[in-house]
Amino acid sequence: MARESSKRHSGGPAKPGAKLGGGSAGGGGGLNIFKMNTGIGQHMLKNPLVAQGIVDKADIKPSDVVLEVGPGTGNLTVKILEKARKVIAVEMDPRMAAEVTKRVQGKPEQKKLEVMLGDVIKTELPYFDVCISNTPYQISSPLVFKLLNLPRPPRVSVLMFQREFAMRLVAKPGEELYCRLSVNVQMWATVTHIMKVGRNNFRPPPQVESSVVRIESKQPRPPIDFEEWDGLLRICFVRKNRTISAGFKSHAVTDILTKNYRAYCSQNDMMVDDSIDMSAMIDKVLTETEMGDKRAGKCDEADFLKLLFAFHQIGVHFA
């Protein structure tokens, strides 16, 4: 089942979208039972080859537990159950949760399926090895970061997104769609574009094109605090085509970093000079690293790591 973006959209550009639905046109699964609520963007995937391709790209092992977000009527779910040891399906729509449960009732697969009713972003998730996501586009970004920040992130996630959001995930320095999201995700995972999925693969067709990406968590995880990393990137990418030094000239930024510096000194039993000039400290770091005149949109992971390390050397932190 799919839901188009709404005014609460937080995962990508505020455009109408769809999410990959568990049901397909040829597999039954409730398309004649439920009236799709197009007002909230429910669109069912009607191409079973796309569903099979998603399952195949997940490389599911017989011992794997798979988290499926948004099983819809269950056509994708039953394909996953053929390969996995267990499927945990998280669904917000009670009608769909009941339907996917009914799909396996009385069958051997029933024992392998657990359906959780609720919002995946707010739900405490059990351990799983693989994620296959059919989630609404408005939670694209929250879902990605929830998966990557789990204590034990999934080995691989195969996720359907609005195409522009998907291309941001794989964008490289200098490309138009390269942004804070690109750097953040690529620090913690390897992201690969798997396939494009056109509007006509859904019924009814959504207003945007879709893409599927594969996200493989890096092992071992980089020894970087996520909040620190993201805090630095927020400043650098406030205007990605302006110089990095421009982002640090805001009084709000210097005030926050000054408070963080005082907190750091207090926690480490260091003397704090009340006349500290944070602007001068920032200028010193940007000059010594030669990062001040660079533009975030053209910097890579190594550049931002160099900058973060230099700030940490003088006790300046971003979280």
C-alpha atoms as a PDB file:
ATOM      1  CA  MET A   1       0.000   0.000   0.000  1.00  0.00           C
ATOM      2  CA  ALA A   2       1.185   3.501  -0.719  1.00  0.00           C
ATOM      3  CA  ARG A   3       0.584   6.919   0.713  1.00  0.00           C
ATOM      4  CA  GLU A   4       1.298  10.139  -1.097  1.00  0.00           C
ATOM      5  CA  SER A   5       3.272  12.902   0.554  1.00  0.00           C
ATOM      6  CA  SER A   6       1.280  15.270   2.739  1.00  0.00           C
ATOM      7  CA  LYS A   7       1.891  18.629   4.399  1.00  0.00           C
ATOM      8  CA  ARG A   8       3.686  16.729   7.152  1.00  0.00           C
ATOM      9  CA  HIS A   9       6.270  15.548   4.629  1.00  0.00           C
ATOM     10  CA  SER A  10       9.761  15.358   6.131  1.00  0.00           C
ATOM     11  CA  GLY A  11      11.623  12.840   4.000  1.00  0.00           C
ATOM     12  CA  GLY A  12      12.161  14.656   0.699  1.00  0.00           C
ATOM     13  CA  PRO A  13      10.793  17.305  -1.639  1.00  0.00           C
ATOM     14  CA  ALA A  14       7.175  18.167  -0.894  1.00  0.00           C
ATOM     15  CA  LYS A  15       5.649  16.500  -3.923  1.00  0.00           C
ATOM     16  CA  PRO A  16       2.889  13.928  -4.139  1.00  0.00           C
ATOM     17  CA  GLY A  17       4.282  10.390  -4.094  1.00  0.00           C
ATOM     18  CA  ALA A  18       3.502   6.764  -3.587  1.00  0.00           C
ATOM     19  CA  LYS A  19       5.023   3.931  -1.705  1.00  0.00           C
ATOM     20  CA  LEU A  20       5.512   0.428  -3.000  1.00  0.00           C
ATOM     21  CA  GLY A  21       2.517  -1.644  -2.015  1.00  0.00           C
ATOM     22  CA  GLY A  22       2.590  -5.259  -0.943  1.00  0.00           C
ATOM     23  CA  GLY A  23      -0.357  -6.046  -3.201  1.00  0.00           C
ATOM     24  CA  SER A  24      -0.121  -6.417  -6.964  1.00  0.00           C
ATOM     25  CA  ALA A  25      -2.766  -6.510  -9.640  1.00  0.00           C
ATOM     26  CA  GLY A  26      -2.414 -10.152 -10.484  1.00  0.00           C
ATOM     27  CA  GLY A  27      -2.192 -11.679  -7.036  1.00  0.00           C
ATOM     28  CA  GLY A  28      -5.511 -10.967  -5.404  1.00  0.00           C
ATOM     29  CA  GLY A  29      -4.607  -9.852  -1.934  1.00  0.00           C
ATOM     30  CA  GLY A  30      -7.576  -7.599  -1.388  1.00  0.00           C
ATOM     31  CA  LEU A  31      -7.632  -5.229  -4.349  1.00  0.00           C
ATOM     32  CA  ASN A  32     -11.288  -6.070  -4.879  1.00  0.00           C
ATOM     33  CA  ILE A  33     -11.996  -5.954  -1.144  1.00  0.00           C
ATOM     34  CA  PHE A  34     -10.610  -2.541  -0.281  1.00  0.00           C
ATOM     35  CA  LYS A  35     -11.367   0.798  -1.822  1.00  0.00           C
ATOM     36  CA  MET A  36      -8.030   2.566  -2.149  1.00  0.00           C
ATOM     37  CA  ASN A  37      -8.008   5.932  -0.416  1.00  0.00           C
ATOM     38  CA  THR A  38      -6.367   8.046  -3.111  1.00  0.00           C
ATOM     39  CA  GLY A  39      -6.874  11.100  -0.921  1.00  0.00           C
ATOM     40  CA  ILE A  40      -3.947   9.887   1.177  1.00  0.00           C
ATOM     41  CA  GLY A  41      -2.200   8.380  -1.821  1.00  0.00           C
ATOM     42  CA  GLN A  42      -2.810   4.654  -1.574  1.00  0.00           C
ATOM     43  CA  HIS A  43      -1.368   3.063  -4.716  1.00  0.00           C
ATOM     44  CA  MET A  44      -0.879  -0.669  -5.215  1.00  0.00           C
ATOM     45  CA  LEU A  45       2.072  -2.069  -7.114  1.00  0.00           C
ATOM     46  CA  LYS A  46       0.687  -4.057 -10.038  1.00  0.00           C
ATOM     47  CA  ASN A  47       3.938  -5.382 -11.500  1.00  0.00           C
ATOM     48  CA  PRO A  48       4.948  -8.670  -9.827  1.00  0.00           C
ATOM     49  CA  LEU A  49       8.348  -8.558 -11.550  1.00  0.00           C
ATOM     50  CA  VAL A  50       9.269  -5.449  -9.573  1.00  0.00           C
ATOM     51  CA  ALA A  51       8.250  -7.136  -6.333  1.00  0.00           C
ATOM     52  CA  GLN A  52      10.314 -10.211  -7.199  1.00  0.00           C
ATOM     53  CA  GLY A  53      13.270  -8.029  -8.151  1.00  0.00           C
ATOM     54  CA  ILE A  54      13.175  -6.318  -4.764  1.00  0.00           C
ATOM     55  CA  VAL A  55      13.187  -9.637  -2.914  1.00  0.00           C
ATOM     56  CA  ASP A  56      16.013 -10.967  -5.088  1.00  0.00           C
ATOM     57  CA  LYS A  57      18.186  -7.867  -4.479  1.00  0.00           C
ATOM     58  CA  ALA A  58      17.815  -8.295  -0.721  1.00  0.00           C
ATOM     59  CA  ASP A  59      19.843 -11.546  -0.873  1.00  0.00           C
ATOM     60  CA  ILE A  60      17.758 -13.072   1.911  1.00  0.00           C
ATOM     61  CA  LYS A  61      19.315 -16.063   3.693  1.00  0.00           C
ATOM     62  CA  PRO A  62      17.246 -18.951   5.105  1.00  0.00           C
ATOM     63  CA  SER A  63      18.301 -17.886   8.615  1.00  0.00           C
ATOM     64  CA  ASP A  64      17.313 -14.204   8.180  1.00  0.00           C
ATOM     65  CA  VAL A  65      14.649 -12.254  10.016  1.00  0.00           C
ATOM     66  CA  VAL A  66      13.198  -9.653   7.632  1.00  0.00           C
ATOM     67  CA  LEU A  67      11.447  -6.447   8.630  1.00  0.00           C
ATOM     68  CA  GLU A  68       8.877  -5.394   6.035  1.00  0.00           C
ATOM     69  CA  VAL A  69       7.503  -1.869   6.325  1.00  0.00           C
ATOM     70  CA  GLY A  70       4.037  -1.494   4.826  1.00  0.00           C
ATOM     71  CA  PRO A  71       3.111  -5.024   3.690  1.00  0.00           C
ATOM     72  CA  GLY A  72      -0.148  -3.843   2.137  1.00  0.00           C
ATOM     73  CA  THR A  73      -2.208  -6.863   1.137  1.00  0.00           C
ATOM     74  CA  GLY A  74       0.758  -9.206   1.355  1.00  0.00           C
ATOM     75  CA  ASN A  75       1.875 -10.134  -2.166  1.00  0.00           C
ATOM     76  CA  LEU A  76       5.435  -9.037  -1.431  1.00  0.00           C
ATOM     77  CA  THR A  77       5.226 -10.562   2.039  1.00  0.00           C
ATOM     78  CA  VAL A  78       4.557 -14.064   0.727  1.00  0.00           C
ATOM     79  CA  LYS A  79       7.576 -13.798  -1.586  1.00  0.00           C
ATOM     80  CA  ILE A  80       9.764 -12.849   1.389  1.00  0.00           C
ATOM     81  CA  LEU A  81       8.335 -15.701   3.477  1.00  0.00           C
ATOM     82  CA  GLU A  82       9.532 -18.160   0.835  1.00  0.00           C
ATOM     83  CA  LYS A  83      13.146 -17.201   1.628  1.00  0.00           C
ATOM     84  CA  ALA A  84      13.290 -15.907   5.207  1.00  0.00           C
ATOM     85  CA  ARG A  85      13.153 -17.650   8.574  1.00  0.00           C
ATOM     86  CA  LYS A  86      10.735 -15.006   9.844  1.00  0.00           C
ATOM     87  CA  VAL A  87       9.026 -11.823   8.611  1.00  0.00           C
ATOM     88  CA  ILE A  88       8.066  -8.967  10.922  1.00  0.00           C
ATOM     89  CA  ALA A  89       5.569  -6.811   9.023  1.00  0.00           C
ATOM     90  CA  VAL A  90       4.802  -3.307  10.352  1.00  0.00           C
ATOM     91  CA  GLU A  91       1.570  -1.821   8.986  1.00  0.00           C
ATOM     92  CA  MET A  92      -0.405   1.303   9.947  1.00  0.00           C
ATOM     93  CA  ASP A  93      -3.677   0.420   8.193  1.00  0.00           C
ATOM     94  CA  PRO A  94      -5.685  -2.113  10.266  1.00  0.00           C
ATOM     95  CA  ARG A  95      -7.464  -3.338   7.113  1.00  0.00           C
ATOM     96  CA  MET A  96      -4.186  -4.218   5.459  1.00  0.00           C
ATOM     97  CA  ALA A  97      -2.780  -5.767   8.643  1.00  0.00           C
ATOM     98  CA  ALA A  98      -5.822  -8.046   8.786  1.00  0.00           C
ATOM     99  CA  GLU A  99      -5.533  -8.907   5.098  1.00  0.00           C
ATOM    100  CA  VAL A 100      -1.859  -9.848   5.181  1.00  0.00           C
ATOM    101  CA  THR A 101      -2.551 -12.029   8.225  1.00  0.00           C
ATOM    102  CA  LYS A 102      -5.390 -13.702   6.355  1.00  0.00           C
ATOM    103  CA  ARG A 103      -3.117 -14.420   3.379  1.00  0.00           C
ATOM    104  CA  VAL A 104      -1.138 -16.987   5.370  1.00  0.00           C
ATOM    105  CA  GLN A 105      -3.826 -18.237   7.750  1.00  0.00           C
ATOM    106  CA  GLY A 106      -3.791 -22.013   7.958  1.00  0.00           C
ATOM    107  CA  LYS A 107      -0.577 -22.255   5.938  1.00  0.00           C
ATOM    108  CA  PRO A 108       2.929 -23.212   7.144  1.00  0.00           C
ATOM    109  CA  GLU A 109       4.008 -19.601   6.570  1.00  0.00           C
ATOM    110  CA  GLN A 110       1.630 -18.449   9.312  1.00  0.00           C
ATOM    111  CA  LYS A 111       4.151 -19.421  11.985  1.00  0.00           C
ATOM    112  CA  LYS A 112       6.853 -17.359  10.250  1.00  0.00           C
ATOM    113  CA  LEU A 113       4.850 -14.109  10.084  1.00  0.00           C
ATOM    114  CA  GLU A 114       4.500 -11.523  12.852  1.00  0.00           C
ATOM    115  CA  VAL A 115       2.355  -8.456  12.086  1.00  0.00           C
ATOM    116  CA  MET A 116       2.859  -5.291  14.141  1.00  0.00           C
ATOM    117  CA  LEU A 117       0.178  -2.608  13.857  1.00  0.00           C
ATOM    118  CA  GLY A 118       1.533   0.924  14.186  1.00  0.00           C
ATOM    119  CA  ASP A 119       3.944   3.617  13.006  1.00  0.00           C
ATOM    120  CA  VAL A 120       7.371   2.129  12.277  1.00  0.00           C
ATOM    121  CA  ILE A 121       9.132   5.371  13.235  1.00  0.00           C
ATOM    122  CA  LYS A 122       7.594   5.356  16.713  1.00  0.00           C
ATOM    123  CA  THR A 123       7.735   1.601  17.233  1.00  0.00           C
ATOM    124  CA  GLU A 124      10.508  -0.119  19.161  1.00  0.00           C
ATOM    125  CA  LEU A 125      11.699  -2.725  16.718  1.00  0.00           C
ATOM    126  CA  PRO A 126      13.032  -6.198  17.541  1.00  0.00           C
ATOM    127  CA  TYR A 127      16.245  -7.429  15.957  1.00  0.00           C
ATOM    128  CA  PHE A 128      16.173  -8.149  12.215  1.00  0.00           C
ATOM    129  CA  ASP A 129      18.774  -8.882   9.521  1.00  0.00           C
ATOM    130  CA  VAL A 130      17.178  -7.333   6.426  1.00  0.00           C
ATOM    131  CA  CYS A 131      14.675  -4.536   5.827  1.00  0.00           C
ATOM    132  CA  ILE A 132      12.384  -4.241   2.825  1.00  0.00           C
ATOM    133  CA  SER A 133      10.540  -0.953   2.986  1.00  0.00           C
ATOM    134  CA  ASN A 134       7.323   0.137   1.351  1.00  0.00           C
ATOM    135  CA  THR A 135       6.990   3.143   3.583  1.00  0.00           C
ATOM    136  CA  PRO A 136       5.212   6.445   2.811  1.00  0.00           C
ATOM    137  CA  TYR A 137       7.549   9.031   1.311  1.00  0.00           C
ATOM    138  CA  GLN A 138       6.924  11.546   4.066  1.00  0.00           C
ATOM    139  CA  ILE A 139       8.960   9.397   6.453  1.00  0.00           C
ATOM    140  CA  SER A 140      11.701   8.488   3.963  1.00  0.00           C
ATOM    141  CA  SER A 141      14.452  10.329   5.822  1.00  0.00           C
ATOM    142  CA  PRO A 142      13.353   9.324   9.354  1.00  0.00           C
ATOM    143  CA  LEU A 143      13.186   5.681   8.306  1.00  0.00           C
ATOM    144  CA  VAL A 144      16.657   5.686   6.739  1.00  0.00           C
ATOM    145  CA  PHE A 145      18.241   7.215   9.828  1.00  0.00           C
ATOM    146  CA  LYS A 146      16.297   5.003  12.199  1.00  0.00           C
ATOM    147  CA  LEU A 147      17.650   1.948  10.383  1.00  0.00           C
ATOM    148  CA  LEU A 148      21.226   3.226  10.312  1.00  0.00           C
ATOM    149  CA  ASN A 149      21.194   4.286  13.974  1.00  0.00           C
ATOM    150  CA  LEU A 150      19.872   1.041  15.399  1.00  0.00           C
ATOM    151  CA  PRO A 151      22.286  -0.571  17.906  1.00  0.00           C
ATOM    152  CA  ARG A 152      22.494  -3.487  15.459  1.00  0.00           C
ATOM    153  CA  PRO A 153      21.557  -2.063  12.047  1.00  0.00           C
ATOM    154  CA  PRO A 154      20.286  -4.444   9.356  1.00  0.00           C
ATOM    155  CA  ARG A 155      22.866  -6.032   7.087  1.00  0.00           C
ATOM    156  CA  VAL A 156      21.022  -4.742   4.056  1.00  0.00           C
ATOM    157  CA  SER A 157      17.907  -2.676   3.337  1.00  0.00           C
ATOM    158  CA  VAL A 158      16.107  -2.580  -0.011  1.00  0.00           C
ATOM    159  CA  LEU A 159      13.881   0.495  -0.030  1.00  0.00           C
ATOM    160  CA  MET A 160      11.465   2.143  -2.455  1.00  0.00           C
ATOM    161  CA  PHE A 161      11.558   5.951  -2.560  1.00  0.00           C
ATOM    162  CA  GLN A 162      10.437   8.898  -4.630  1.00  0.00           C
ATOM    163  CA  ARG A 163      13.104   9.031  -7.323  1.00  0.00           C
ATOM    164  CA  GLU A 164      14.562  12.405  -6.403  1.00  0.00           C
ATOM    165  CA  PHE A 165      15.028  11.316  -2.794  1.00  0.00           C
ATOM    166  CA  ALA A 166      16.659   8.073  -3.922  1.00  0.00           C
ATOM    167  CA  MET A 167      19.077   9.963  -6.168  1.00  0.00           C
ATOM    168  CA  ARG A 168      20.053  12.215  -3.262  1.00  0.00           C
ATOM    169  CA  LEU A 169      21.113   9.128  -1.348  1.00  0.00           C
ATOM    170  CA  VAL A 170      23.571   8.094  -4.072  1.00  0.00           C
ATOM    171  CA  ALA A 171      24.702  11.590  -5.203  1.00  0.00           C
ATOM    172  CA  LYS A 172      28.429  12.387  -5.272  1.00  0.00           C
ATOM    173  CA  PRO A 173      30.297  15.671  -4.570  1.00  0.00           C
ATOM    174  CA  GLY A 174      29.687  18.243  -7.292  1.00  0.00           C
ATOM    175  CA  GLU A 175      26.399  16.717  -8.445  1.00  0.00           C
ATOM    176  CA  GLU A 176      23.245  18.809  -8.282  1.00  0.00           C
ATOM    177  CA  LEU A 177      21.441  16.570  -5.783  1.00  0.00           C
ATOM    178  CA  TYR A 178      24.458  16.137  -3.467  1.00  0.00           C
ATOM    179  CA  CYS A 179      23.445  17.354  -0.011  1.00  0.00           C
ATOM    180  CA  ARG A 180      23.692  16.772   3.740  1.00  0.00           C
ATOM    181  CA  LEU A 181      21.555  13.646   3.348  1.00  0.00           C
ATOM    182  CA  SER A 182      24.047  12.224   0.814  1.00  0.00           C
ATOM    183  CA  VAL A 183      27.058  12.695   3.118  1.00  0.00           C
ATOM    184  CA  ASN A 184      25.214  11.476   6.197  1.00  0.00           C
ATOM    185  CA  VAL A 185      23.978   8.228   4.706  1.00  0.00           C
ATOM    186  CA  GLN A 186      27.200   7.463   2.846  1.00  0.00           C
ATOM    187  CA  MET A 187      29.186   7.817   6.083  1.00  0.00           C
ATOM    188  CA  TRP A 188      27.304   4.899   7.631  1.00  0.00           C
ATOM    189  CA  ALA A 189      26.414   2.791   4.601  1.00  0.00           C
ATOM    190  CA  THR A 190      27.107   1.886   0.988  1.00  0.00           C
ATOM    191  CA  VAL A 191      24.150   2.931  -1.157  1.00  0.00           C
ATOM    192  CA  THR A 192      23.374   1.532  -4.609  1.00  0.00           C
ATOM    193  CA  HIS A 193      20.596   2.463  -7.021  1.00  0.00           C
ATOM    194  CA  ILE A 194      18.844  -0.778  -7.989  1.00  0.00           C
ATOM    195  CA  MET A 195      16.007   0.058 -10.355  1.00  0.00           C
ATOM    196  CA  LYS A 196      13.630   2.735 -11.579  1.00  0.00           C
ATOM    197  CA  VAL A 197       9.925   2.104 -11.133  1.00  0.00           C
ATOM    198  CA  GLY A 198       7.603   4.119 -13.357  1.00  0.00           C
ATOM    199  CA  ARG A 199       4.250   5.534 -12.346  1.00  0.00           C
ATOM    200  CA  ASN A 200       2.369   3.030 -14.498  1.00  0.00           C
ATOM    201  CA  ASN A 201       3.563   0.156 -12.328  1.00  0.00           C
ATOM    202  CA  PHE A 202       1.037   1.293  -9.707  1.00  0.00           C
ATOM    203  CA  ARG A 203      -2.740   1.319  -9.625  1.00  0.00           C
ATOM    204  CA  PRO A 204      -3.839   4.080  -9.569  1.00  0.00           C
ATOM    205  CA  PRO A 205      -0.646   5.751 -10.876  1.00  0.00           C
ATOM    206  CA  PRO A 206       0.988   8.235  -8.460  1.00  0.00           C
ATOM    207  CA  GLN A 207       2.180  11.648  -9.620  1.00  0.00           C
ATOM    208  CA  VAL A 208       5.902  10.878  -9.349  1.00  0.00           C
ATOM    209  CA  GLU A 209       8.416   8.280 -10.503  1.00  0.00           C
ATOM    210  CA  SER A 210      10.008   5.908  -7.987  1.00  0.00           C
ATOM    211  CA  SER A 211      13.327   4.181  -7.463  1.00  0.00           C
ATOM    212  CA  VAL A 212      14.630   1.300  -5.386  1.00  0.00           C
ATOM    213  CA  VAL A 213      17.943   1.539  -3.532  1.00  0.00           C
ATOM    214  CA  ARG A 214      20.017  -0.996  -1.636  1.00  0.00           C
ATOM    215  CA  ILE A 215      21.644   0.216   1.592  1.00  0.00           C
ATOM    216  CA  GLU A 216      24.381  -1.932   3.129  1.00  0.00           C
ATOM    217  CA  SER A 217      25.486  -0.912   6.619  1.00  0.00           C
ATOM    218  CA  LYS A 218      29.249  -0.476   6.976  1.00  0.00           C
ATOM    219  CA  GLN A 219      30.932  -3.005   9.244  1.00  0.00           C
ATOM    220  CA  PRO A 220      32.579  -2.093  11.489  1.00  0.00           C
ATOM    221  CA  ARG A 221      30.639   1.116  12.024  1.00  0.00           C
ATOM    222  CA  PRO A 222      32.688   4.335  11.682  1.00  0.00           C
ATOM    223  CA  PRO A 223      33.817   5.509  15.160  1.00  0.00           C
ATOM    224  CA  ILE A 224      31.950   8.800  14.778  1.00  0.00           C
ATOM    225  CA  ASP A 225      29.096  10.125  16.908  1.00  0.00           C
ATOM    226  CA  PHE A 226      26.090  10.660  14.645  1.00  0.00           C
ATOM    227  CA  GLU A 227      24.891  13.819  16.406  1.00  0.00           C
ATOM    228  CA  GLU A 228      28.363  15.361  16.144  1.00  0.00           C
ATOM    229  CA  TRP A 229      28.686  14.492  12.480  1.00  0.00           C
ATOM    230  CA  ASP A 230      25.230  15.730  11.588  1.00  0.00           C
ATOM    231  CA  GLY A 231      25.713  18.897  13.648  1.00  0.00           C
ATOM    232  CA  LEU A 232      28.780  19.832  11.591  1.00  0.00           C
ATOM    233  CA  LEU A 233      27.061  19.015   8.301  1.00  0.00           C
ATOM    234  CA  ARG A 234      24.024  21.151   9.185  1.00  0.00           C
ATOM    235  CA  ILE A 235      26.284  24.190   9.416  1.00  0.00           C
ATOM    236  CA  CYS A 236      28.326  23.378   6.318  1.00  0.00           C
ATOM    237  CA  PHE A 237      25.256  22.708   4.154  1.00  0.00           C
ATOM    238  CA  VAL A 238      23.140  25.643   5.294  1.00  0.00           C
ATOM    239  CA  ARG A 239      24.016  27.091   1.867  1.00  0.00           C
ATOM    240  CA  LYS A 240      25.841  24.312   0.037  1.00  0.00           C
ATOM    241  CA  ASN A 241      26.993  26.560  -2.828  1.00  0.00           C
ATOM    242  CA  ARG A 242      28.413  29.238  -0.536  1.00  0.00           C
ATOM    243  CA  THR A 243      31.755  28.911   1.208  1.00  0.00           C
ATOM    244  CA  ILE A 244      31.876  26.855   4.377  1.00  0.00           C
ATOM    245  CA  SER A 245      33.128  29.877   6.311  1.00  0.00           C
ATOM    246  CA  ALA A 246      29.866  31.678   5.469  1.00  0.00           C
ATOM    247  CA  GLY A 247      27.893  29.060   7.355  1.00  0.00           C
ATOM    248  CA  PHE A 248      29.959  29.619  10.492  1.00  0.00           C
ATOM    249  CA  LYS A 249      29.514  33.413  10.544  1.00  0.00           C
ATOM    250  CA  SER A 250      26.008  33.266  11.971  1.00  0.00           C
ATOM    251  CA  HIS A 251      25.684  34.571  15.542  1.00  0.00           C
ATOM    252  CA  ALA A 252      23.401  31.629  16.280  1.00  0.00           C
ATOM    253  CA  VAL A 253      26.158  29.200  15.276  1.00  0.00           C
ATOM    254  CA  THR A 254      28.860  30.915  17.326  1.00  0.00           C
ATOM    255  CA  ASP A 255      26.537  31.089  20.350  1.00  0.00           C
ATOM    256  CA  ILE A 256      25.762  27.359  20.160  1.00  0.00           C
ATOM    257  CA  LEU A 257      29.411  26.407  19.721  1.00  0.00           C
ATOM    258  CA  THR A 258      30.406  28.662  22.623  1.00  0.00           C
ATOM    259  CA  LYS A 259      27.882  26.920  24.891  1.00  0.00           C
ATOM    260  CA  ASN A 260      29.116  23.527  23.688  1.00  0.00           C
ATOM    261  CA  TYR A 261      32.716  24.562  24.345  1.00  0.00           C
ATOM    262  CA  ARG A 262      31.920  25.682  27.902  1.00  0.00           C
ATOM    263  CA  ALA A 263      30.071  22.409  28.525  1.00  0.00           C
ATOM    264  CA  TYR A 264      33.037  20.425  27.177  1.00  0.00           C
ATOM    265  CA  CYS A 265      35.483  22.287  29.411  1.00  0.00           C
ATOM    266  CA  SER A 266      33.261  21.773  32.460  1.00  0.00           C
ATOM    267  CA  GLN A 267      32.946  18.049  31.818  1.00  0.00           C
ATOM    268  CA  ASN A 268      36.711  17.707  31.418  1.00  0.00           C
ATOM    269  CA  ASP A 269      37.757  19.900  34.395  1.00  0.00           C
ATOM    270  CA  MET A 270      39.259  22.536  32.114  1.00  0.00           C
ATOM    271  CA  MET A 271      39.458  26.246  32.912  1.00  0.00           C
ATOM    272  CA  VAL A 272      37.129  28.400  30.809  1.00  0.00           C
ATOM    273  CA  ASP A 273      38.152  31.879  29.737  1.00  0.00           C
ATOM    274  CA  ASP A 274      35.045  34.078  29.984  1.00  0.00           C
ATOM    275  CA  SER A 275      36.415  36.283  27.225  1.00  0.00           C
ATOM    276  CA  ILE A 276      36.650  33.390  24.778  1.00  0.00           C
ATOM    277  CA  ASP A 277      36.361  34.526  21.160  1.00  0.00           C
ATOM    278  CA  MET A 278      34.625  31.661  19.363  1.00  0.00           C
ATOM    279  CA  SER A 279      34.703  33.493  16.023  1.00  0.00           C
ATOM    280  CA  ALA A 280      38.497  33.661  16.219  1.00  0.00           C
ATOM    281  CA  MET A 281      38.706  29.962  17.112  1.00  0.00           C
ATOM    282  CA  ILE A 282      36.518  29.069  14.135  1.00  0.00           C
ATOM    283  CA  ASP A 283      38.558  31.224  11.757  1.00  0.00           C
ATOM    284  CA  LYS A 284      41.751  29.581  12.983  1.00  0.00           C
ATOM    285  CA  VAL A 285      40.420  26.073  12.271  1.00  0.00           C
ATOM    286  CA  LEU A 286      39.054  27.009   8.851  1.00  0.00           C
ATOM    287  CA  THR A 287      42.350  28.638   7.883  1.00  0.00           C
ATOM    288  CA  GLU A 288      44.574  25.813   9.099  1.00  0.00           C
ATOM    289  CA  THR A 289      42.470  23.148   7.400  1.00  0.00           C
ATOM    290  CA  GLU A 290      42.093  25.267   4.243  1.00  0.00           C
ATOM    291  CA  MET A 291      38.369  24.484   4.342  1.00  0.00           C
ATOM    292  CA  GLY A 292      37.009  28.006   4.752  1.00  0.00           C
ATOM    293  CA  ASP A 293      36.889  28.849   1.038  1.00  0.00           C
ATOM    294  CA  LYS A 294      35.575  25.453  -0.039  1.00  0.00           C
ATOM    295  CA  ARG A 295      31.923  24.776  -0.815  1.00  0.00           C
ATOM    296  CA  ALA A 296      30.097  21.951   0.931  1.00  0.00           C
ATOM    297  CA  GLY A 297      28.514  20.799  -2.324  1.00  0.00           C
ATOM    298  CA  LYS A 298      31.963  19.875  -3.637  1.00  0.00           C
ATOM    299  CA  CYS A 299      33.517  18.440  -0.467  1.00  0.00           C
ATOM    300  CA  ASP A 300      33.744  14.733   0.235  1.00  0.00           C
ATOM    301  CA  GLU A 301      33.645  12.650   3.394  1.00  0.00           C
ATOM    302  CA  ALA A 302      37.384  13.046   4.012  1.00  0.00           C
ATOM    303  CA  ASP A 303      37.092  16.849   3.934  1.00  0.00           C
ATOM    304  CA  PHE A 304      34.354  16.890   6.570  1.00  0.00           C
ATOM    305  CA  LEU A 305      36.227  14.386   8.745  1.00  0.00           C
ATOM    306  CA  LYS A 306      39.313  16.602   8.623  1.00  0.00           C
ATOM    307  CA  LEU A 307      37.233  19.591   9.680  1.00  0.00           C
ATOM    308  CA  LEU A 308      35.500  17.721  12.507  1.00  0.00           C
ATOM    309  CA  PHE A 309      38.824  16.423  13.844  1.00  0.00           C
ATOM    310  CA  ALA A 310      40.352  19.915  13.805  1.00  0.00           C
ATOM    311  CA  PHE A 311      37.455  21.363  15.800  1.00  0.00           C
ATOM    312  CA  HIS A 312      37.653  18.524  18.311  1.00  0.00           C
ATOM    313  CA  GLN A 313      41.353  19.233  18.808  1.00  0.00           C
ATOM    314  CA  ILE A 314      40.492  22.637  20.299  1.00  0.00           C
ATOM    315  CA  GLY A 315      37.489  21.390  22.261  1.00  0.00           C
ATOM    316  CA  VAL A 316      34.753  22.617  19.913  1.00  0.00           C
ATOM    317  CA  HIS A 317      31.885  20.155  19.526  1.00  0.00           C
ATOM    318  CA  PHE A 318      28.623  20.154  17.590  1.00  0.00           C
ATOM    319  CA  ALA A 319      26.353  18.172  19.907  1.00  0.00           C
END
